[in-house]
């Protein structure tokens, strides 16, 4: 009986000194989710749109389209392929 009491006291002491949170009622909450930076997303989307449409326009001009038609087609292609991206500043 004394041996069991000693073992229980030893375990209780070990839990209390190691900082174990099994017995605490107020556990630390999970870390907060990072907030999205919409201004940064909008800037990134705008610069990607400009670069992508410029590259696509060059490709279309080399295929024989006029620059005006290539610009319109590149904008339409971007909207068709990446239309789901619409960050708001």
Foldseek 3Di string as FASTA:
>chain_A
DVVVVVVVVVVVVVCVPVVPCPPPPDDDDDDDDDDDDLVVLVVVVVVVLVVQLVVQLVVVVVVPDDSVVSSVVSNVVCCVVVVVDDRDD
